[in-house]
Amino acid sequence: MSWDIFSPDKLLLVAVVGLILFGPKRLPQMGRSIGRWLGEFRSAAGGLHEELKAGMNEPQVATAVEPAKAVETPVEPAKPAPTPPAE
């Protein structure tokens, strides 16, 4: 038996195990679900790859970043507590 991942004998073994575990009714449904998931994953990965490639080809522009300025807010002095009325 070869160690190739997609060899016909290994694919047949996986199909037989899947048929035993999930039955003939659910196996096609699961295959479609896995196929859709792989398609979405490949399209997302391709989009990310294209975005990264486009980002790498953009010229780098140096921009000056201004340091953050401290905003001073006036602080009111504390008011003394009211004194109780004298008796």
N, C-alpha and C. Protein backbone atom coordinates (compact mmCIF):
# COMPACT_ATOMS: atom_id res chain seq x y z
N MET A 1 0.84 -1.17 0.00
CA MET A 1 0.00 0.00 0.00
C MET A 1 0.89 1.24 0.00
N SER A 2 0.63 2.17 -0.89
CA SER A 2 1.45 3.37 -0.98
C SER A 2 1.03 4.38 0.08
N TRP A 3 1.87 5.37 0.33
CA TRP A 3 1.58 6.37 1.34
C TRP A 3 1.01 7.63 0.71
N ASP A 4 0.56 7.56 -0.54
CA ASP A 4 -0.07 8.69 -1.20
C ASP A 4 -1.42 8.97 -0.53
N ILE A 5 -1.70 10.22 -0.23
CA ILE A 5 -2.92 10.57 0.51
C ILE A 5 -4.16 10.22 -0.29
N PHE A 6 -4.18 10.48 -1.58
CA PHE A 6 -5.36 10.27 -2.39
C PHE A 6 -5.28 9.00 -3.23
N SER A 7 -4.68 7.98 -2.71
CA SER A 7 -4.61 6.73 -3.45
C SER A 7 -6.01 6.11 -3.50
N PRO A 8 -6.34 5.38 -4.57
CA PRO A 8 -7.69 4.82 -4.72
C PRO A 8 -8.09 3.88 -3.58
N ASP A 9 -7.16 3.10 -3.06
CA ASP A 9 -7.53 2.18 -2.00
C ASP A 9 -7.88 2.92 -0.70
N LYS A 10 -7.21 4.02 -0.42
CA LYS A 10 -7.54 4.80 0.78
C LYS A 10 -8.87 5.52 0.61
N LEU A 11 -9.12 6.05 -0.59
CA LEU A 11 -10.40 6.71 -0.83
C LEU A 11 -11.55 5.71 -0.71
N LEU A 12 -11.35 4.50 -1.19
CA LEU A 12 -12.38 3.47 -1.08
C LEU A 12 -12.62 3.11 0.38
N LEU A 13 -11.56 3.00 1.15
CA LEU A 13 -11.68 2.70 2.58
C LEU A 13 -12.46 3.80 3.31
N VAL A 14 -12.16 5.05 3.02
CA VAL A 14 -12.88 6.17 3.63
C VAL A 14 -14.35 6.14 3.23
N ALA A 15 -14.64 5.83 1.98
CA ALA A 15 -16.03 5.77 1.51
C ALA A 15 -16.79 4.65 2.21
N VAL A 16 -16.17 3.50 2.38
CA VAL A 16 -16.84 2.38 3.05
C VAL A 16 -17.09 2.71 4.52
N VAL A 17 -16.11 3.28 5.20
CA VAL A 17 -16.29 3.65 6.60
C VAL A 17 -17.38 4.71 6.73
N GLY A 18 -17.40 5.69 5.84
CA GLY A 18 -18.44 6.72 5.86
C GLY A 18 -19.81 6.13 5.61
N LEU A 19 -19.91 5.17 4.71
CA LEU A 19 -21.18 4.51 4.42
C LEU A 19 -21.67 3.74 5.63
N ILE A 20 -20.76 3.09 6.32
CA ILE A 20 -21.15 2.32 7.52
C ILE A 20 -21.58 3.27 8.65
N LEU A 21 -20.82 4.35 8.86
CA LEU A 21 -21.11 5.26 9.96
C LEU A 21 -22.37 6.10 9.74
N PHE A 22 -22.55 6.63 8.54
CA PHE A 22 -23.62 7.58 8.31
C PHE A 22 -24.79 7.04 7.49
N GLY A 23 -24.63 5.92 6.85
CA GLY A 23 -25.72 5.33 6.09
C GLY A 23 -25.84 5.92 4.69
N PRO A 24 -26.57 5.23 3.83
CA PRO A 24 -26.67 5.66 2.43
C PRO A 24 -27.49 6.93 2.23
N LYS A 25 -28.36 7.28 3.18
CA LYS A 25 -29.19 8.47 3.01
C LYS A 25 -28.44 9.75 3.36
N ARG A 26 -27.64 9.71 4.42
CA ARG A 26 -26.96 10.92 4.88
C ARG A 26 -25.61 11.15 4.20
N LEU A 27 -25.02 10.14 3.61
CA LEU A 27 -23.69 10.28 3.01
C LEU A 27 -23.66 11.31 1.87
N PRO A 28 -24.61 11.28 0.91
CA PRO A 28 -24.58 12.31 -0.14
C PRO A 28 -24.79 13.72 0.40
N GLN A 29 -25.65 13.85 1.40
CA GLN A 29 -25.91 15.16 2.01
C GLN A 29 -24.64 15.68 2.68
N MET A 30 -23.93 14.82 3.37
CA MET A 30 -22.69 15.24 4.02
C MET A 30 -21.62 15.59 2.99
N GLY A 31 -21.58 14.84 1.91
CA GLY A 31 -20.62 15.14 0.84
C GLY A 31 -20.87 16.51 0.24
N ARG A 32 -22.14 16.85 0.02
CA ARG A 32 -22.47 18.17 -0.50
C ARG A 32 -22.09 19.26 0.49
N SER A 33 -22.37 19.03 1.76
CA SER A 33 -22.03 20.03 2.78
C SER A 33 -20.52 20.26 2.85
N ILE A 34 -19.77 19.19 2.81
CA ILE A 34 -18.30 19.31 2.84
C ILE A 34 -17.81 20.01 1.58
N GLY A 35 -18.40 19.70 0.44
CA GLY A 35 -18.02 20.35 -0.82
C GLY A 35 -18.30 21.85 -0.79
N ARG A 36 -19.45 22.25 -0.25
CA ARG A 36 -19.78 23.67 -0.14
C ARG A 36 -18.79 24.38 0.79
N TRP A 37 -18.51 23.73 1.93
CA TRP A 37 -17.59 24.32 2.89
C TRP A 37 -16.20 24.51 2.27
N LEU A 38 -15.73 23.50 1.55
CA LEU A 38 -14.41 23.61 0.91
C LEU A 38 -14.42 24.70 -0.16
N GLY A 39 -15.52 24.82 -0.91
CA GLY A 39 -15.62 25.87 -1.91
C GLY A 39 -15.57 27.26 -1.29
N GLU A 40 -16.29 27.46 -0.19
CA GLU A 40 -16.27 28.74 0.49
C GLU A 40 -14.88 29.03 1.06
N PHE A 41 -14.26 28.01 1.61
CA PHE A 41 -12.91 28.19 2.17
C PHE A 41 -11.92 28.57 1.08
N ARG A 42 -11.99 27.90 -0.06
CA ARG A 42 -11.07 28.20 -1.16
C ARG A 42 -11.28 29.61 -1.70
N SER A 43 -12.56 30.04 -1.82
CA SER A 43 -12.81 31.38 -2.35
C SER A 43 -12.33 32.44 -1.35
N ALA A 44 -12.53 32.19 -0.06
CA ALA A 44 -12.06 33.15 0.95
C ALA A 44 -10.53 33.19 0.95
N ALA A 45 -9.90 32.05 0.85
CA ALA A 45 -8.44 32.01 0.83
C ALA A 45 -7.91 32.69 -0.43
N GLY A 46 -8.58 32.49 -1.56
CA GLY A 46 -8.15 33.14 -2.79
C GLY A 46 -8.31 34.65 -2.71
N GLY A 47 -9.42 35.12 -2.12
CA GLY A 47 -9.62 36.55 -1.95
C GLY A 47 -8.57 37.16 -1.04
N LEU A 48 -8.25 36.46 0.03
CA LEU A 48 -7.22 36.94 0.95
C LEU A 48 -5.86 36.98 0.26
N HIS A 49 -5.59 35.96 -0.55
CA HIS A 49 -4.32 35.90 -1.28
C HIS A 49 -4.20 37.07 -2.25
N GLU A 50 -5.29 37.36 -2.98
CA GLU A 50 -5.27 38.48 -3.92
C GLU A 50 -5.12 39.81 -3.19
N GLU A 51 -5.79 39.95 -2.05
CA GLU A 51 -5.69 41.18 -1.28
C GLU A 51 -4.28 41.39 -0.76
N LEU A 52 -3.67 40.33 -0.28
CA LEU A 52 -2.29 40.44 0.20
C LEU A 52 -1.33 40.76 -0.94
N LYS A 53 -1.55 40.13 -2.09
CA LYS A 53 -0.69 40.38 -3.24
C LYS A 53 -0.82 41.83 -3.70
N ALA A 54 -2.06 42.36 -3.71
CA ALA A 54 -2.27 43.75 -4.10
C ALA A 54 -1.63 44.69 -3.08
N GLY A 55 -1.72 44.36 -1.81
CA GLY A 55 -1.12 45.19 -0.77
C GLY A 55 0.40 45.20 -0.85
N MET A 56 0.98 44.10 -1.27
CA MET A 56 2.44 44.04 -1.39
C MET A 56 2.94 44.85 -2.58
N ASN A 57 2.09 45.01 -3.60
CA ASN A 57 2.50 45.73 -4.80
C ASN A 57 2.27 47.23 -4.70
N GLU A 58 1.54 47.70 -3.69
CA GLU A 58 1.30 49.12 -3.54
C GLU A 58 2.58 49.82 -3.09
N PRO A 59 2.81 51.03 -3.63
CA PRO A 59 4.01 51.75 -3.17
C PRO A 59 3.83 52.20 -1.73
N GLN A 60 4.91 52.17 -1.01
CA GLN A 60 4.88 52.57 0.39
C GLN A 60 5.01 54.09 0.46
N VAL A 61 4.10 54.73 1.16
CA VAL A 61 4.11 56.18 1.32
C VAL A 61 4.39 56.48 2.78
N ALA A 62 5.44 57.25 3.00
CA ALA A 62 5.78 57.61 4.37
C ALA A 62 4.88 58.76 4.80
N THR A 63 4.24 58.62 5.91
CA THR A 63 3.39 59.68 6.43
C THR A 63 3.91 60.08 7.80
N ALA A 64 3.87 61.38 8.05
CA ALA A 64 4.30 61.87 9.36
C ALA A 64 3.13 61.75 10.32
N VAL A 65 3.40 61.24 11.45
CA VAL A 65 2.38 61.09 12.47
C VAL A 65 2.63 62.12 13.54
N GLU A 66 1.62 62.97 13.79
CA GLU A 66 1.76 63.99 14.81
C GLU A 66 1.63 63.34 16.19
N PRO A 67 2.45 63.75 17.12
CA PRO A 67 2.29 63.20 18.47
C PRO A 67 0.96 63.66 19.05
N ALA A 68 0.41 62.86 19.88
CA ALA A 68 -0.87 63.18 20.51
C ALA A 68 -0.70 64.39 21.41
N LYS A 69 -1.62 65.33 21.28
CA LYS A 69 -1.56 66.53 22.11
C LYS A 69 -2.41 66.31 23.35
N ALA A 70 -1.87 66.75 24.46
CA ALA A 70 -2.61 66.62 25.72
C ALA A 70 -3.69 67.69 25.76
N VAL A 71 -4.86 67.29 26.05
CA VAL A 71 -5.97 68.23 26.15
C VAL A 71 -6.15 68.55 27.62
N GLU A 72 -5.99 69.83 27.94
CA GLU A 72 -6.11 70.23 29.33
C GLU A 72 -7.53 70.73 29.56
N THR A 73 -8.17 70.16 30.54
CA THR A 73 -9.50 70.62 30.91
C THR A 73 -9.39 71.34 32.24
N PRO A 74 -10.05 72.47 32.36
CA PRO A 74 -9.96 73.19 33.64
C PRO A 74 -10.62 72.39 34.75
N VAL A 75 -9.98 72.40 35.89
CA VAL A 75 -10.50 71.69 37.05
C VAL A 75 -10.98 72.72 38.05
N GLU A 76 -12.24 72.59 38.46
CA GLU A 76 -12.80 73.54 39.42
C GLU A 76 -12.30 73.17 40.81
N PRO A 77 -12.00 74.20 41.64
CA PRO A 77 -11.56 73.89 43.00
C PRO A 77 -12.71 73.27 43.78
N ALA A 78 -12.37 72.46 44.72
CA ALA A 78 -13.39 71.79 45.53
C ALA A 78 -14.12 72.81 46.41
N LYS A 79 -15.42 72.68 46.49
CA LYS A 79 -16.22 73.58 47.31
C LYS A 79 -16.25 73.03 48.74
N PRO A 80 -16.15 73.95 49.73
CA PRO A 80 -16.20 73.46 51.11
C PRO A 80 -17.60 72.93 51.43
N ALA A 81 -17.64 72.00 52.32
CA ALA A 81 -18.93 71.42 52.73
C ALA A 81 -19.75 72.47 53.44
N PRO A 82 -21.05 72.47 53.25
CA PRO A 82 -21.88 73.46 53.94
C PRO A 82 -21.84 73.25 55.44
N THR A 83 -21.83 74.37 56.17
CA THR A 83 -21.80 74.29 57.62
C THR A 83 -23.22 74.19 58.15
N PRO A 84 -23.41 73.38 59.17
CA PRO A 84 -24.77 73.27 59.72
C PRO A 84 -25.17 74.57 60.42
N PRO A 85 -26.45 74.87 60.46
CA PRO A 85 -26.90 76.11 61.13
C PRO A 85 -26.59 76.06 62.62
N ALA A 86 -26.27 77.19 63.19
CA ALA A 86 -25.95 77.28 64.61
C ALA A 86 -27.23 77.24 65.43
N GLU A 87 -27.20 76.60 66.56
CA GLU A 87 -28.39 76.50 67.42
C GLU A 87 -28.31 77.38 68.59
